[in-house]
C-alpha atoms as a PDB file:
ATOM      1  CA  MET A   1     129.502   7.000  35.964  1.00  0.00           C
ATOM      2  CA  ARG A   2     131.310   5.738  39.014  1.00  0.00           C
ATOM      3  CA  GLY A   3     130.289   3.290  41.636  1.00  0.00           C
ATOM      4  CA  ARG A   4     129.861  -0.376  42.120  1.00  0.00           C
ATOM      5  CA  THR A   5     127.750  -2.526  39.854  1.00  0.00           C
ATOM      6  CA  ASP A   6     125.989  -5.685  40.823  1.00  0.00           C
ATOM      7  CA  PRO A   7     127.138  -8.454  38.467  1.00  0.00           C
ATOM      8  CA  LYS A   8     123.861 -10.294  39.038  1.00  0.00           C
ATOM      9  CA  THR A   9     121.949  -7.472  37.367  1.00  0.00           C
ATOM     10  CA  SER A  10     124.027  -7.419  34.188  1.00  0.00           C
ATOM     11  CA  MET A  11     121.968  -8.318  31.154  1.00  0.00           C
ATOM     12  CA  LEU A  12     124.984  -8.737  28.880  1.00  0.00           C
ATOM     13  CA  ALA A  13     127.471 -11.586  28.834  1.00  0.00           C
ATOM     14  CA  SER A  14     130.975 -10.715  29.927  1.00  0.00           C
ATOM     15  CA  TRP A  15     133.226  -9.638  27.067  1.00  0.00           C
ATOM     16  CA  ALA A  16     135.987 -11.725  28.627  1.00  0.00           C
ATOM     17  CA  SER A  17     134.080 -14.901  27.912  1.00  0.00           C
ATOM     18  CA  LYS A  18     133.956 -14.029  24.205  1.00  0.00           C
ATOM     19  CA  VAL A  19     137.462 -12.639  23.586  1.00  0.00           C
ATOM     20  CA  THR A  20     140.438 -14.941  23.058  1.00  0.00           C
ATOM     21  CA  SER A  21     143.354 -14.810  25.491  1.00  0.00           C
ATOM     22  CA  LYS A  22     145.712 -13.261  22.905  1.00  0.00           C
ATOM     23  CA  HIS A  23     143.302 -10.606  21.619  1.00  0.00           C
ATOM     24  CA  PRO A  24     144.576  -6.973  21.810  1.00  0.00           C
ATOM     25  CA  LEU A  25     141.544  -5.998  23.898  1.00  0.00           C
ATOM     26  CA  ARG A  26     143.049  -7.898  26.808  1.00  0.00           C
ATOM     27  CA  THR A  27     146.150  -5.670  26.739  1.00  0.00           C
ATOM     28  CA  ILE A  28     144.030  -2.554  26.380  1.00  0.00           C
ATOM     29  CA  GLN A  29     141.892  -3.649  29.337  1.00  0.00           C
ATOM     30  CA  ALA A  30     144.987  -4.191  31.491  1.00  0.00           C
ATOM     31  CA  VAL A  31     146.353  -0.710  30.638  1.00  0.00           C
ATOM     32  CA  PHE A  32     142.958   0.846  31.311  1.00  0.00           C
ATOM     33  CA  ASN A  33     142.596  -0.940  34.659  1.00  0.00           C
ATOM     34  CA  LYS A  34     146.044   0.268  35.793  1.00  0.00           C
ATOM     35  CA  ALA A  35     145.367   3.877  34.746  1.00  0.00           C
ATOM     36  CA  SER A  36     141.909   3.808  36.292  1.00  0.00           C
ATOM     37  CA  ALA A  37     143.276   2.515  39.602  1.00  0.00           C
ATOM     38  CA  GLU A  38     145.940   5.250  39.662  1.00  0.00           C
ATOM     39  CA  LEU A  39     143.338   7.958  38.965  1.00  0.00           C
ATOM     40  CA  SER A  40     140.699   6.590  41.321  1.00  0.00           C
ATOM     41  CA  VAL A  41     141.645   8.884  44.227  1.00  0.00           C
ATOM     42  CA  THR A  42     141.409  11.909  41.932  1.00  0.00           C
ATOM     43  CA  PHE A  43     138.050  10.756  40.591  1.00  0.00           C
ATOM     44  CA  ASP A  44     136.763  10.150  44.131  1.00  0.00           C
ATOM     45  CA  GLY A  45     137.496  13.793  44.942  1.00  0.00           C
ATOM     46  CA  MET A  46     135.489  14.941  41.938  1.00  0.00           C
ATOM     47  CA  TYR A  47     132.297  13.158  42.958  1.00  0.00           C
ATOM     48  CA  ALA A  48     130.089  13.947  45.912  1.00  0.00           C
ATOM     49  CA  GLY A  49     129.556  11.170  48.412  1.00  0.00           C
ATOM     50  CA  VAL A  50     125.767  11.437  48.213  1.00  0.00           C
ATOM     51  CA  GLY A  51     125.282  12.438  44.581  1.00  0.00           C
ATOM     52  CA  ARG A  52     124.657  15.735  42.863  1.00  0.00           C
ATOM     53  CA  ILE A  53     121.640  17.984  42.967  1.00  0.00           C
ATOM     54  CA  SER A  54     119.221  17.755  40.090  1.00  0.00           C
ATOM     55  CA  ILE A  55     119.336  20.477  37.446  1.00  0.00           C
ATOM     56  CA  PHE A  56     115.617  20.903  38.019  1.00  0.00           C
ATOM     57  CA  SER A  57     116.182  21.837  41.655  1.00  0.00           C
ATOM     58  CA  LEU A  58     118.553  24.686  40.699  1.00  0.00           C
ATOM     59  CA  SER A  59     115.556  26.964  40.233  1.00  0.00           C
ATOM     60  CA  ASP A  60     114.856  26.503  43.959  1.00  0.00           C
ATOM     61  CA  PHE A  61     118.022  28.425  44.876  1.00  0.00           C
END
């Protein structure tokens, strides 16, 4: 799911506050963030600006 999230509504504590600075997850997160940023334009083209129609409304067509 794409889009912005409101950090105030998160019910879970940030993983970053629980993972040490030398933990491998930090490297994985950095690689993921770089790849995600590079693919963002492609992903934006795959998603409609106003959402998708419901599968239940397909019978209306």
